[in-house]
Amino acid sequence: RLWPGFIILLDIAHVFRLQPRVSRRIVCLACMWFVLTLTEDAYRWGLYDVPIDDKHRTDQYNCAHPPCASGVAMSISTTTTALLIFLLDFYFTRGFAHGLGKQNDKVNAAIAATEHIAT
């Protein structure tokens, strides 16, 4: 699955204080990816038909015409869980990075004031 990569991109965007639009675009791309994989997993429209070697095969390929659709309920459950993890990580990381940035700004201001008083 690709969604852990989106989490890493969001964490990088927060740590380096990139523009909020960067985070919004990453979240939008991730949500589109979740919907794309949800529909493929449920209806099998061809995304998983890409050739794959034996080392990467899963139970999904053990049917008459692999890859097998897993059903709508299972697909929604899996996608909802992954999306919830993704969005909660985004929320908590954003809050942490914002708080850390505020603390860093306060420390820098205190250092600048101390330097000004000392000179």
PDB file of N, CA and C in Angstrom:
ATOM      1  N   ARG A   1       0.827  -1.192   0.000  1.00  0.00           N
ATOM      2  CA  ARG A   1       0.000   0.000   0.000  1.00  0.00           C
ATOM      3  C   ARG A   1       0.868   1.250   0.000  1.00  0.00           C
ATOM      4  N   LEU A   2       0.332   2.307  -0.527  1.00  0.00           N
ATOM      5  CA  LEU A   2       1.083   3.545  -0.713  1.00  0.00           C
ATOM      6  C   LEU A   2       0.843   4.573   0.396  1.00  0.00           C
ATOM      7  N   TRP A   3      -0.199   4.392   1.199  1.00  0.00           N
ATOM      8  CA  TRP A   3      -0.565   5.449   2.130  1.00  0.00           C
ATOM      9  C   TRP A   3       0.468   5.757   3.209  1.00  0.00           C
ATOM     10  N   PRO A   4       1.329   4.831   3.655  1.00  0.00           N
ATOM     11  CA  PRO A   4       2.370   5.255   4.607  1.00  0.00           C
ATOM     12  C   PRO A   4       3.318   6.300   4.010  1.00  0.00           C
ATOM     13  N   GLY A   5       3.511   6.261   2.706  1.00  0.00           N
ATOM     14  CA  GLY A   5       4.325   7.284   2.053  1.00  0.00           C
ATOM     15  C   GLY A   5       3.699   8.667   2.157  1.00  0.00           C
ATOM     16  N   PHE A   6       2.374   8.721   2.088  1.00  0.00           N
ATOM     17  CA  PHE A   6       1.683  10.003   2.267  1.00  0.00           C
ATOM     18  C   PHE A   6       1.891  10.532   3.687  1.00  0.00           C
ATOM     19  N   ILE A   7       1.909   9.637   4.673  1.00  0.00           N
ATOM     20  CA  ILE A   7       2.149  10.055   6.063  1.00  0.00           C
ATOM     21  C   ILE A   7       3.536  10.667   6.190  1.00  0.00           C
ATOM     22  N   ILE A   8       4.520  10.042   5.578  1.00  0.00           N
ATOM     23  CA  ILE A   8       5.885  10.574   5.638  1.00  0.00           C
ATOM     24  C   ILE A   8       5.966  11.933   4.953  1.00  0.00           C
ATOM     25  N   LEU A   9       5.315  12.076   3.798  1.00  0.00           N
ATOM     26  CA  LEU A   9       5.308  13.378   3.112  1.00  0.00           C
ATOM     27  C   LEU A   9       4.662  14.457   3.961  1.00  0.00           C
ATOM     28  N   LEU A  10       3.559  14.132   4.622  1.00  0.00           N
ATOM     29  CA  LEU A  10       2.906  15.113   5.486  1.00  0.00           C
ATOM     30  C   LEU A  10       3.794  15.491   6.668  1.00  0.00           C
ATOM     31  N   ASP A  11       4.446  14.503   7.264  1.00  0.00           N
ATOM     32  CA  ASP A  11       5.338  14.796   8.384  1.00  0.00           C
ATOM     33  C   ASP A  11       6.471  15.722   7.944  1.00  0.00           C
ATOM     34  N   ILE A  12       7.014  15.478   6.766  1.00  0.00           N
ATOM     35  CA  ILE A  12       8.072  16.344   6.239  1.00  0.00           C
ATOM     36  C   ILE A  12       7.532  17.757   6.007  1.00  0.00           C
ATOM     37  N   ALA A  13       6.339  17.855   5.458  1.00  0.00           N
ATOM     38  CA  ALA A  13       5.739  19.172   5.212  1.00  0.00           C
ATOM     39  C   ALA A  13       5.543  19.936   6.516  1.00  0.00           C
ATOM     40  N   HIS A  14       5.156  19.239   7.578  1.00  0.00           N
ATOM     41  CA  HIS A  14       4.964  19.907   8.868  1.00  0.00           C
ATOM     42  C   HIS A  14       6.279  20.300   9.514  1.00  0.00           C
ATOM     43  N   VAL A  15       7.251  19.411   9.478  1.00  0.00           N
ATOM     44  CA  VAL A  15       8.525  19.682  10.129  1.00  0.00           C
ATOM     45  C   VAL A  15       9.240  20.859   9.471  1.00  0.00           C
ATOM     46  N   PHE A  16       9.180  20.932   8.147  1.00  0.00           N
ATOM     47  CA  PHE A  16       9.859  22.015   7.444  1.00  0.00           C
ATOM     48  C   PHE A  16       8.978  23.235   7.227  1.00  0.00           C
ATOM     49  N   ARG A  17       7.813  23.251   7.870  1.00  0.00           N
ATOM     50  CA  ARG A  17       6.889  24.394   7.820  1.00  0.00           C
ATOM     51  C   ARG A  17       6.586  24.833   6.388  1.00  0.00           C
ATOM     52  N   LEU A  18       6.278  23.882   5.546  1.00  0.00           N
ATOM     53  CA  LEU A  18       5.896  24.220   4.175  1.00  0.00           C
ATOM     54  C   LEU A  18       4.520  24.882   4.180  1.00  0.00           C
ATOM     55  N   GLN A  19       4.171  25.488   3.098  1.00  0.00           N
ATOM     56  CA  GLN A  19       2.891  26.176   2.990  1.00  0.00           C
ATOM     57  C   GLN A  19       1.738  25.222   3.303  1.00  0.00           C
ATOM     58  N   PRO A  20       0.665  25.700   3.933  1.00  0.00           N
ATOM     59  CA  PRO A  20      -0.487  24.834   4.226  1.00  0.00           C
ATOM     60  C   PRO A  20      -1.089  24.204   2.975  1.00  0.00           C
ATOM     61  N   ARG A  21      -0.957  24.865   1.842  1.00  0.00           N
ATOM     62  CA  ARG A  21      -1.520  24.294   0.611  1.00  0.00           C
ATOM     63  C   ARG A  21      -0.810  23.004   0.216  1.00  0.00           C
ATOM     64  N   VAL A  22       0.472  22.868   0.608  1.00  0.00           N
ATOM     65  CA  VAL A  22       1.196  21.626   0.328  1.00  0.00           C
ATOM     66  C   VAL A  22       0.549  20.478   1.099  1.00  0.00           C
ATOM     67  N   SER A  23       0.265  20.712   2.370  1.00  0.00           N
ATOM     68  CA  SER A  23      -0.387  19.685   3.193  1.00  0.00           C
ATOM     69  C   SER A  23      -1.767  19.349   2.650  1.00  0.00           C
ATOM     70  N   ARG A  24      -2.513  20.373   2.259  1.00  0.00           N
ATOM     71  CA  ARG A  24      -3.857  20.126   1.710  1.00  0.00           C
ATOM     72  C   ARG A  24      -3.787  19.291   0.440  1.00  0.00           C
ATOM     73  N   ARG A  25      -2.807  19.566  -0.401  1.00  0.00           N
ATOM     74  CA  ARG A  25      -2.667  18.792  -1.641  1.00  0.00           C
ATOM     75  C   ARG A  25      -2.289  17.343  -1.353  1.00  0.00           C
ATOM     76  N   ILE A  26      -1.414  17.149  -0.385  1.00  0.00           N
ATOM     77  CA  ILE A  26      -1.032  15.781  -0.029  1.00  0.00           C
ATOM     78  C   ILE A  26      -2.238  15.031   0.528  1.00  0.00           C
ATOM     79  N   VAL A  27      -3.021  15.689   1.380  1.00  0.00           N
ATOM     80  CA  VAL A  27      -4.220  15.047   1.940  1.00  0.00           C
ATOM     81  C   VAL A  27      -5.211  14.724   0.828  1.00  0.00           C
ATOM     82  N   CYS A  28      -5.417  15.642  -0.107  1.00  0.00           N
ATOM     83  CA  CYS A  28      -6.331  15.385  -1.232  1.00  0.00           C
ATOM     84  C   CYS A  28      -5.854  14.218  -2.087  1.00  0.00           C
ATOM     85  N   LEU A  29      -4.556  14.185  -2.390  1.00  0.00           N
ATOM     86  CA  LEU A  29      -4.008  13.067  -3.172  1.00  0.00           C
ATOM     87  C   LEU A  29      -4.177  11.744  -2.430  1.00  0.00           C
ATOM     88  N   ALA A  30      -3.937  11.768  -1.134  1.00  0.00           N
ATOM     89  CA  ALA A  30      -4.083  10.539  -0.346  1.00  0.00           C
ATOM     90  C   ALA A  30      -5.539  10.079  -0.334  1.00  0.00           C
ATOM     91  N   CYS A  31      -6.469  11.005  -0.164  1.00  0.00           N
ATOM     92  CA  CYS A  31      -7.891  10.627  -0.165  1.00  0.00           C
ATOM     93  C   CYS A  31      -8.303  10.067  -1.522  1.00  0.00           C
ATOM     94  N   MET A  32      -7.805  10.663  -2.595  1.00  0.00           N
ATOM     95  CA  MET A  32      -8.109  10.119  -3.919  1.00  0.00           C
ATOM     96  C   MET A  32      -7.520   8.716  -4.067  1.00  0.00           C
ATOM     97  N   TRP A  33      -6.314   8.508  -3.534  1.00  0.00           N
ATOM     98  CA  TRP A  33      -5.693   7.186  -3.594  1.00  0.00           C
ATOM     99  C   TRP A  33      -6.520   6.167  -2.811  1.00  0.00           C
ATOM    100  N   PHE A  34      -7.022   6.576  -1.650  1.00  0.00           N
ATOM    101  CA  PHE A  34      -7.852   5.674  -0.859  1.00  0.00           C
ATOM    102  C   PHE A  34      -9.118   5.283  -1.617  1.00  0.00           C
ATOM    103  N   VAL A  35      -9.757   6.242  -2.255  1.00  0.00           N
ATOM    104  CA  VAL A  35     -10.971   5.940  -3.027  1.00  0.00           C
ATOM    105  C   VAL A  35     -10.640   5.045  -4.215  1.00  0.00           C
ATOM    106  N   LEU A  36      -9.534   5.324  -4.875  1.00  0.00           N
ATOM    107  CA  LEU A  36      -9.112   4.510  -6.022  1.00  0.00           C
ATOM    108  C   LEU A  36      -8.872   3.063  -5.610  1.00  0.00           C
ATOM    109  N   THR A  37      -8.139   2.867  -4.528  1.00  0.00           N
ATOM    110  CA  THR A  37      -7.868   1.497  -4.084  1.00  0.00           C
ATOM    111  C   THR A  37      -9.111   0.829  -3.509  1.00  0.00           C
ATOM    112  N   LEU A  38     -10.006   1.612  -2.907  1.00  0.00           N
ATOM    113  CA  LEU A  38     -11.259   1.053  -2.398  1.00  0.00           C
ATOM    114  C   LEU A  38     -12.091   0.489  -3.540  1.00  0.00           C
ATOM    115  N   THR A  39     -12.233   1.263  -4.587  1.00  0.00           N
ATOM    116  CA  THR A  39     -13.036   0.787  -5.716  1.00  0.00           C
ATOM    117  C   THR A  39     -12.369  -0.390  -6.418  1.00  0.00           C
ATOM    118  N   GLU A  40     -11.038  -0.373  -6.530  1.00  0.00           N
ATOM    119  CA  GLU A  40     -10.346  -1.504  -7.148  1.00  0.00           C
ATOM    120  C   GLU A  40     -10.490  -2.763  -6.307  1.00  0.00           C
ATOM    121  N   ASP A  41     -10.345  -2.602  -5.004  1.00  0.00           N
ATOM    122  CA  ASP A  41     -10.439  -3.751  -4.112  1.00  0.00           C
ATOM    123  C   ASP A  41     -11.854  -4.342  -4.110  1.00  0.00           C
ATOM    124  N   ALA A  42     -12.847  -3.489  -4.217  1.00  0.00           N
ATOM    125  CA  ALA A  42     -14.233  -3.960  -4.164  1.00  0.00           C
ATOM    126  C   ALA A  42     -14.733  -4.483  -5.510  1.00  0.00           C
ATOM    127  N   TYR A  43     -14.390  -3.796  -6.584  1.00  0.00           N
ATOM    128  CA  TYR A  43     -14.982  -4.121  -7.889  1.00  0.00           C
ATOM    129  C   TYR A  43     -14.016  -4.708  -8.909  1.00  0.00           C
ATOM    130  N   ARG A  44     -12.707  -4.630  -8.579  1.00  0.00           N
ATOM    131  CA  ARG A  44     -11.668  -5.183  -9.469  1.00  0.00           C
ATOM    132  C   ARG A  44     -11.808  -4.681 -10.910  1.00  0.00           C
ATOM    133  N   TRP A  45     -11.503  -3.419 -11.106  1.00  0.00           N
ATOM    134  CA  TRP A  45     -11.608  -2.833 -12.441  1.00  0.00           C
ATOM    135  C   TRP A  45     -10.295  -2.827 -13.197  1.00  0.00           C
ATOM    136  N   GLY A  46      -9.191  -3.342 -12.608  1.00  0.00           N
ATOM    137  CA  GLY A  46      -7.966  -3.532 -13.381  1.00  0.00           C
ATOM    138  C   GLY A  46      -6.693  -2.948 -12.824  1.00  0.00           C
ATOM    139  N   LEU A  47      -6.748  -2.180 -11.755  1.00  0.00           N
ATOM    140  CA  LEU A  47      -5.530  -1.575 -11.209  1.00  0.00           C
ATOM    141  C   LEU A  47      -4.554  -2.635 -10.711  1.00  0.00           C
ATOM    142  N   TYR A  48      -5.069  -3.699 -10.125  1.00  0.00           N
ATOM    143  CA  TYR A  48      -4.206  -4.744  -9.587  1.00  0.00           C
ATOM    144  C   TYR A  48      -3.766  -5.759 -10.643  1.00  0.00           C
ATOM    145  N   ASP A  49      -4.156  -5.587 -11.880  1.00  0.00           N
ATOM    146  CA  ASP A  49      -3.789  -6.535 -12.929  1.00  0.00           C
ATOM    147  C   ASP A  49      -2.376  -6.328 -13.452  1.00  0.00           C
ATOM    148  N   VAL A  50      -1.638  -5.445 -12.842  1.00  0.00           N
ATOM    149  CA  VAL A  50      -0.254  -5.195 -13.223  1.00  0.00           C
ATOM    150  C   VAL A  50       0.550  -6.463 -12.918  1.00  0.00           C
ATOM    151  N   PRO A  51       1.433  -6.881 -13.827  1.00  0.00           N
ATOM    152  CA  PRO A  51       2.210  -8.103 -13.573  1.00  0.00           C
ATOM    153  C   PRO A  51       2.994  -8.005 -12.267  1.00  0.00           C
ATOM    154  N   ILE A  52       3.030  -9.103 -11.562  1.00  0.00           N
ATOM    155  CA  ILE A  52       3.718  -9.140 -10.278  1.00  0.00           C
ATOM    156  C   ILE A  52       4.443 -10.472 -10.162  1.00  0.00           C
ATOM    157  N   ASP A  53       5.594 -10.485  -9.515  1.00  0.00           N
ATOM    158  CA  ASP A  53       6.340 -11.733  -9.392  1.00  0.00           C
ATOM    159  C   ASP A  53       5.830 -12.571  -8.219  1.00  0.00           C
ATOM    160  N   ASP A  54       6.287 -13.801  -8.133  1.00  0.00           N
ATOM    161  CA  ASP A  54       5.816 -14.727  -7.100  1.00  0.00           C
ATOM    162  C   ASP A  54       6.167 -14.263  -5.690  1.00  0.00           C
ATOM    163  N   LYS A  55       7.223 -13.505  -5.544  1.00  0.00           N
ATOM    164  CA  LYS A  55       7.655 -13.055  -4.225  1.00  0.00           C
ATOM    165  C   LYS A  55       6.627 -12.106  -3.589  1.00  0.00           C
ATOM    166  N   HIS A  56       5.869 -11.364  -4.400  1.00  0.00           N
ATOM    167  CA  HIS A  56       4.920 -10.379  -3.882  1.00  0.00           C
ATOM    168  C   HIS A  56       3.472 -10.853  -3.933  1.00  0.00           C
ATOM    169  N   ARG A  57       3.229 -12.084  -4.235  1.00  0.00           N
ATOM    170  CA  ARG A  57       1.856 -12.585  -4.311  1.00  0.00           C
ATOM    171  C   ARG A  57       1.242 -12.686  -2.919  1.00  0.00           C
ATOM    172  N   THR A  58      -0.074 -12.447  -2.851  1.00  0.00           N
ATOM    173  CA  THR A  58      -0.802 -12.544  -1.593  1.00  0.00           C
ATOM    174  C   THR A  58      -2.001 -13.459  -1.792  1.00  0.00           C
ATOM    175  N   ASP A  59      -2.800 -13.622  -0.749  1.00  0.00           N
ATOM    176  CA  ASP A  59      -4.005 -14.446  -0.845  1.00  0.00           C
ATOM    177  C   ASP A  59      -5.007 -13.874  -1.834  1.00  0.00           C
ATOM    178  N   GLN A  60      -4.848 -12.639  -2.151  1.00  0.00           N
ATOM    179  CA  GLN A  60      -5.766 -11.998  -3.087  1.00  0.00           C
ATOM    180  C   GLN A  60      -5.676 -12.649  -4.469  1.00  0.00           C
ATOM    181  N   TYR A  61      -4.590 -13.349  -4.761  1.00  0.00           N
ATOM    182  CA  TYR A  61      -4.387 -13.942  -6.074  1.00  0.00           C
ATOM    183  C   TYR A  61      -4.729 -15.437  -6.108  1.00  0.00           C
ATOM    184  N   ASN A  62      -5.323 -15.957  -5.046  1.00  0.00           N
ATOM    185  CA  ASN A  62      -5.665 -17.378  -4.987  1.00  0.00           C
ATOM    186  C   ASN A  62      -7.128 -17.606  -5.354  1.00  0.00           C
ATOM    187  N   CYS A  63      -7.523 -17.280  -6.550  1.00  0.00           N
ATOM    188  CA  CYS A  63      -8.875 -17.534  -7.016  1.00  0.00           C
ATOM    189  C   CYS A  63      -8.804 -17.865  -8.507  1.00  0.00           C
ATOM    190  N   ALA A  64      -9.932 -18.160  -9.087  1.00  0.00           N
ATOM    191  CA  ALA A  64      -9.958 -18.593 -10.484  1.00  0.00           C
ATOM    192  C   ALA A  64      -9.428 -17.522 -11.428  1.00  0.00           C
ATOM    193  N   HIS A  65      -9.806 -16.276 -11.198  1.00  0.00           N
ATOM    194  CA  HIS A  65      -9.370 -15.168 -12.056  1.00  0.00           C
ATOM    195  C   HIS A  65      -8.772 -14.073 -11.176  1.00  0.00           C
ATOM    196  N   PRO A  66      -7.524 -14.258 -10.738  1.00  0.00           N
ATOM    197  CA  PRO A  66      -6.922 -13.290  -9.825  1.00  0.00           C
ATOM    198  C   PRO A  66      -6.696 -11.947 -10.499  1.00  0.00           C
ATOM    199  N   PRO A  67      -6.617 -10.879  -9.775  1.00  0.00           N
ATOM    200  CA  PRO A  67      -6.857 -10.751  -8.349  1.00  0.00           C
ATOM    201  C   PRO A  67      -8.352 -10.758  -8.039  1.00  0.00           C
ATOM    202  N   CYS A  68      -8.696 -11.305  -6.930  1.00  0.00           N
ATOM    203  CA  CYS A  68     -10.102 -11.466  -6.567  1.00  0.00           C
ATOM    204  C   CYS A  68     -10.609 -10.222  -5.848  1.00  0.00           C
ATOM    205  N   ALA A  69     -11.814  -9.853  -6.128  1.00  0.00           N
ATOM    206  CA  ALA A  69     -12.437  -8.747  -5.414  1.00  0.00           C
ATOM    207  C   ALA A  69     -12.719  -9.199  -3.990  1.00  0.00           C
ATOM    208  N   SER A  70     -12.536  -8.306  -3.032  1.00  0.00           N
ATOM    209  CA  SER A  70     -12.716  -8.697  -1.635  1.00  0.00           C
ATOM    210  C   SER A  70     -14.108  -8.367  -1.117  1.00  0.00           C
ATOM    211  N   GLY A  71     -14.907  -7.716  -1.901  1.00  0.00           N
ATOM    212  CA  GLY A  71     -16.243  -7.357  -1.452  1.00  0.00           C
ATOM    213  C   GLY A  71     -16.295  -5.935  -0.943  1.00  0.00           C
ATOM    214  N   VAL A  72     -17.454  -5.341  -1.061  1.00  0.00           N
ATOM    215  CA  VAL A  72     -17.624  -3.934  -0.708  1.00  0.00           C
ATOM    216  C   VAL A  72     -17.431  -3.711   0.785  1.00  0.00           C
ATOM    217  N   ALA A  73     -18.031  -4.551   1.627  1.00  0.00           N
ATOM    218  CA  ALA A  73     -17.952  -4.351   3.081  1.00  0.00           C
ATOM    219  C   ALA A  73     -16.508  -4.430   3.571  1.00  0.00           C
ATOM    220  N   MET A  74     -15.781  -5.435   3.118  1.00  0.00           N
ATOM    221  CA  MET A  74     -14.385  -5.583   3.538  1.00  0.00           C
ATOM    222  C   MET A  74     -13.531  -4.435   3.010  1.00  0.00           C
ATOM    223  N   SER A  75     -13.779  -4.010   1.802  1.00  0.00           N
ATOM    224  CA  SER A  75     -13.019  -2.896   1.218  1.00  0.00           C
ATOM    225  C   SER A  75     -13.277  -1.609   1.977  1.00  0.00           C
ATOM    226  N   ILE A  76     -14.528  -1.356   2.302  1.00  0.00           N
ATOM    227  CA  ILE A  76     -14.861  -0.137   3.051  1.00  0.00           C
ATOM    228  C   ILE A  76     -14.243  -0.186   4.438  1.00  0.00           C
ATOM    229  N   SER A  77     -14.281  -1.326   5.080  1.00  0.00           N
ATOM    230  CA  SER A  77     -13.691  -1.468   6.411  1.00  0.00           C
ATOM    231  C   SER A  77     -12.185  -1.217   6.380  1.00  0.00           C
ATOM    232  N   THR A  78     -11.503  -1.825   5.442  1.00  0.00           N
ATOM    233  CA  THR A  78     -10.057  -1.666   5.327  1.00  0.00           C
ATOM    234  C   THR A  78      -9.688  -0.224   4.994  1.00  0.00           C
ATOM    235  N   THR A  79     -10.395   0.358   4.049  1.00  0.00           N
ATOM    236  CA  THR A  79     -10.099   1.727   3.637  1.00  0.00           C
ATOM    237  C   THR A  79     -10.420   2.715   4.747  1.00  0.00           C
ATOM    238  N   THR A  80     -11.514   2.514   5.448  1.00  0.00           N
ATOM    239  CA  THR A  80     -11.882   3.405   6.544  1.00  0.00           C
ATOM    240  C   THR A  80     -10.834   3.363   7.650  1.00  0.00           C
ATOM    241  N   THR A  81     -10.349   2.184   7.964  1.00  0.00           N
ATOM    242  CA  THR A  81      -9.312   2.058   8.987  1.00  0.00           C
ATOM    243  C   THR A  81      -8.036   2.788   8.568  1.00  0.00           C
ATOM    244  N   ALA A  82      -7.593   2.557   7.348  1.00  0.00           N
ATOM    245  CA  ALA A  82      -6.373   3.216   6.867  1.00  0.00           C
ATOM    246  C   ALA A  82      -6.561   4.730   6.796  1.00  0.00           C
ATOM    247  N   LEU A  83      -7.716   5.169   6.326  1.00  0.00           N
ATOM    248  CA  LEU A  83      -7.984   6.603   6.236  1.00  0.00           C
ATOM    249  C   LEU A  83      -8.046   7.243   7.614  1.00  0.00           C
ATOM    250  N   LEU A  84      -8.633   6.552   8.577  1.00  0.00           N
ATOM    251  CA  LEU A  84      -8.689   7.060   9.942  1.00  0.00           C
ATOM    252  C   LEU A  84      -7.288   7.199  10.534  1.00  0.00           C
ATOM    253  N   ILE A  85      -6.461   6.195  10.331  1.00  0.00           N
ATOM    254  CA  ILE A  85      -5.078   6.270  10.808  1.00  0.00           C
ATOM    255  C   ILE A  85      -4.350   7.434  10.142  1.00  0.00           C
ATOM    256  N   PHE A  86      -4.540   7.580   8.844  1.00  0.00           N
ATOM    257  CA  PHE A  86      -3.885   8.655   8.096  1.00  0.00           C
ATOM    258  C   PHE A  86      -4.313  10.030   8.603  1.00  0.00           C
ATOM    259  N   LEU A  87      -5.614  10.242   8.757  1.00  0.00           N
ATOM    260  CA  LEU A  87      -6.110  11.555   9.178  1.00  0.00           C
ATOM    261  C   LEU A  87      -5.778  11.855  10.640  1.00  0.00           C
ATOM    262  N   LEU A  88      -5.804  10.849  11.506  1.00  0.00           N
ATOM    263  CA  LEU A  88      -5.410  11.072  12.900  1.00  0.00           C
ATOM    264  C   LEU A  88      -3.924  11.418  12.990  1.00  0.00           C
ATOM    265  N   ASP A  89      -3.102  10.739  12.213  1.00  0.00           N
ATOM    266  CA  ASP A  89      -1.681  11.074  12.186  1.00  0.00           C
ATOM    267  C   ASP A  89      -1.481  12.506  11.701  1.00  0.00           C
ATOM    268  N   PHE A  90      -2.221  12.885  10.676  1.00  0.00           N
ATOM    269  CA  PHE A  90      -2.130  14.259  10.162  1.00  0.00           C
ATOM    270  C   PHE A  90      -2.505  15.262  11.248  1.00  0.00           C
ATOM    271  N   TYR A  91      -3.598  15.004  11.957  1.00  0.00           N
ATOM    272  CA  TYR A  91      -4.076  15.916  12.997  1.00  0.00           C
ATOM    273  C   TYR A  91      -3.049  16.042  14.128  1.00  0.00           C
ATOM    274  N   PHE A  92      -2.573  14.914  14.643  1.00  0.00           N
ATOM    275  CA  PHE A  92      -1.642  14.953  15.763  1.00  0.00           C
ATOM    276  C   PHE A  92      -0.285  15.506  15.361  1.00  0.00           C
ATOM    277  N   THR A  93       0.208  15.145  14.203  1.00  0.00           N
ATOM    278  CA  THR A  93       1.504  15.649  13.755  1.00  0.00           C
ATOM    279  C   THR A  93       1.443  17.148  13.501  1.00  0.00           C
ATOM    280  N   ARG A  94       0.331  17.602  12.919  1.00  0.00           N
ATOM    281  CA  ARG A  94       0.183  19.040  12.674  1.00  0.00           C
ATOM    282  C   ARG A  94       0.189  19.799  13.992  1.00  0.00           C
ATOM    283  N   GLY A  95      -0.544  19.308  14.984  1.00  0.00           N
ATOM    284  CA  GLY A  95      -0.570  19.957  16.293  1.00  0.00           C
ATOM    285  C   GLY A  95       0.793  19.957  16.959  1.00  0.00           C
ATOM    286  N   PHE A  96       1.487  18.826  16.881  1.00  0.00           N
ATOM    287  CA  PHE A  96       2.815  18.734  17.467  1.00  0.00           C
ATOM    288  C   PHE A  96       3.779  19.688  16.782  1.00  0.00           C
ATOM    289  N   ALA A  97       3.786  19.695  15.458  1.00  0.00           N
ATOM    290  CA  ALA A  97       4.712  20.556  14.713  1.00  0.00           C
ATOM    291  C   ALA A  97       4.412  22.031  14.960  1.00  0.00           C
ATOM    292  N   HIS A  98       3.120  22.368  15.049  1.00  0.00           N
ATOM    293  CA  HIS A  98       2.742  23.768  15.305  1.00  0.00           C
ATOM    294  C   HIS A  98       3.210  24.182  16.707  1.00  0.00           C
ATOM    295  N   GLY A  99       2.963  23.344  17.706  1.00  0.00           N
ATOM    296  CA  GLY A  99       3.405  23.651  19.064  1.00  0.00           C
ATOM    297  C   GLY A  99       4.910  23.744  19.179  1.00  0.00           C
ATOM    298  N   LEU A 100       5.604  22.839  18.502  1.00  0.00           N
ATOM    299  CA  LEU A 100       7.061  22.854  18.516  1.00  0.00           C
ATOM    300  C   LEU A 100       7.597  24.125  17.854  1.00  0.00           C
ATOM    301  N   GLY A 101       6.950  24.539  16.771  1.00  0.00           N
ATOM    302  CA  GLY A 101       7.366  25.774  16.104  1.00  0.00           C
ATOM    303  C   GLY A 101       7.172  26.991  16.995  1.00  0.00           C
ATOM    304  N   LYS A 102       6.049  27.029  17.730  1.00  0.00           N
ATOM    305  CA  LYS A 102       5.806  28.144  18.654  1.00  0.00           C
ATOM    306  C   LYS A 102       6.857  28.178  19.760  1.00  0.00           C
ATOM    307  N   GLN A 103       7.176  27.009  20.320  1.00  0.00           N
ATOM    308  CA  GLN A 103       8.206  26.949  21.360  1.00  0.00           C
ATOM    309  C   GLN A 103       9.556  27.390  20.808  1.00  0.00           C
ATOM    310  N   ASN A 104       9.873  26.970  19.607  1.00  0.00           N
ATOM    311  CA  ASN A 104      11.139  27.347  18.992  1.00  0.00           C
ATOM    312  C   ASN A 104      11.202  28.860  18.784  1.00  0.00           C
ATOM    313  N   ASP A 105      10.103  29.457  18.354  1.00  0.00           N
ATOM    314  CA  ASP A 105      10.067  30.911  18.175  1.00  0.00           C
ATOM    315  C   ASP A 105      10.258  31.636  19.512  1.00  0.00           C
ATOM    316  N   LYS A 106       9.645  31.123  20.576  1.00  0.00           N
ATOM    317  CA  LYS A 106       9.787  31.742  21.904  1.00  0.00           C
ATOM    318  C   LYS A 106      11.223  31.651  22.395  1.00  0.00           C
ATOM    319  N   VAL A 107      11.852  30.492  22.201  1.00  0.00           N
ATOM    320  CA  VAL A 107      13.248  30.323  22.621  1.00  0.00           C
ATOM    321  C   VAL A 107      14.151  31.262  21.834  1.00  0.00           C
ATOM    322  N   ASN A 108      13.921  31.369  20.539  1.00  0.00           N
ATOM    323  CA  ASN A 108      14.728  32.286  19.721  1.00  0.00           C
ATOM    324  C   ASN A 108      14.531  33.726  20.158  1.00  0.00           C
ATOM    325  N   ALA A 109      13.297  34.107  20.507  1.00  0.00           N
ATOM    326  CA  ALA A 109      13.037  35.466  20.988  1.00  0.00           C
ATOM    327  C   ALA A 109      13.729  35.705  22.332  1.00  0.00           C
ATOM    328  N   ALA A 110      13.711  34.708  23.204  1.00  0.00           N
ATOM    329  CA  ALA A 110      14.387  34.845  24.497  1.00  0.00           C
ATOM    330  C   ALA A 110      15.894  34.973  24.309  1.00  0.00           C
ATOM    331  N   ILE A 111      16.454  34.213  23.386  1.00  0.00           N
ATOM    332  CA  ILE A 111      17.891  34.301  23.107  1.00  0.00           C
ATOM    333  C   ILE A 111      18.241  35.672  22.554  1.00  0.00           C
ATOM    334  N   ALA A 112      17.408  36.174  21.652  1.00  0.00           N
ATOM    335  CA  ALA A 112      17.664  37.503  21.078  1.00  0.00           C
ATOM    336  C   ALA A 112      17.567  38.582  22.152  1.00  0.00           C
ATOM    337  N   ALA A 113      16.582  38.471  23.049  1.00  0.00           N
ATOM    338  CA  ALA A 113      16.449  39.460  24.138  1.00  0.00           C
ATOM    339  C   ALA A 113      17.639  39.387  25.078  1.00  0.00           C
ATOM    340  N   THR A 114      18.100  38.177  25.375  1.00  0.00           N
ATOM    341  CA  THR A 114      19.264  38.013  26.249  1.00  0.00           C
ATOM    342  C   THR A 114      20.513  38.609  25.610  1.00  0.00           C
ATOM    343  N   GLU A 115      20.681  38.387  24.320  1.00  0.00           N
ATOM    344  CA  GLU A 115      21.830  38.966  23.617  1.00  0.00           C
ATOM    345  C   GLU A 115      21.761  40.493  23.636  1.00  0.00           C
ATOM    346  N   HIS A 116      20.550  41.022  23.453  1.00  0.00           N
ATOM    347  CA  HIS A 116      20.382  42.485  23.443  1.00  0.00           C
ATOM    348  C   HIS A 116      20.703  43.070  24.811  1.00  0.00           C
ATOM    349  N   ILE A 117      20.270  42.402  25.874  1.00  0.00           N
ATOM    350  CA  ILE A 117      20.530  42.891  27.244  1.00  0.00           C
ATOM    351  C   ILE A 117      22.015  42.777  27.562  1.00  0.00           C
ATOM    352  N   ALA A 118      22.648  41.699  27.117  1.00  0.00           N
ATOM    353  CA  ALA A 118      24.055  41.452  27.435  1.00  0.00           C
ATOM    354  C   ALA A 118      24.998  42.405  26.694  1.00  0.00           C
ATOM    355  N   THR A 119      24.540  42.967  25.577  1.00  0.00           N
ATOM    356  CA  THR A 119      25.460  43.838  24.833  1.00  0.00           C
ATOM    357  C   THR A 119      25.234  45.294  25.084  1.00  0.00           C
TER     358      THR A 119
END
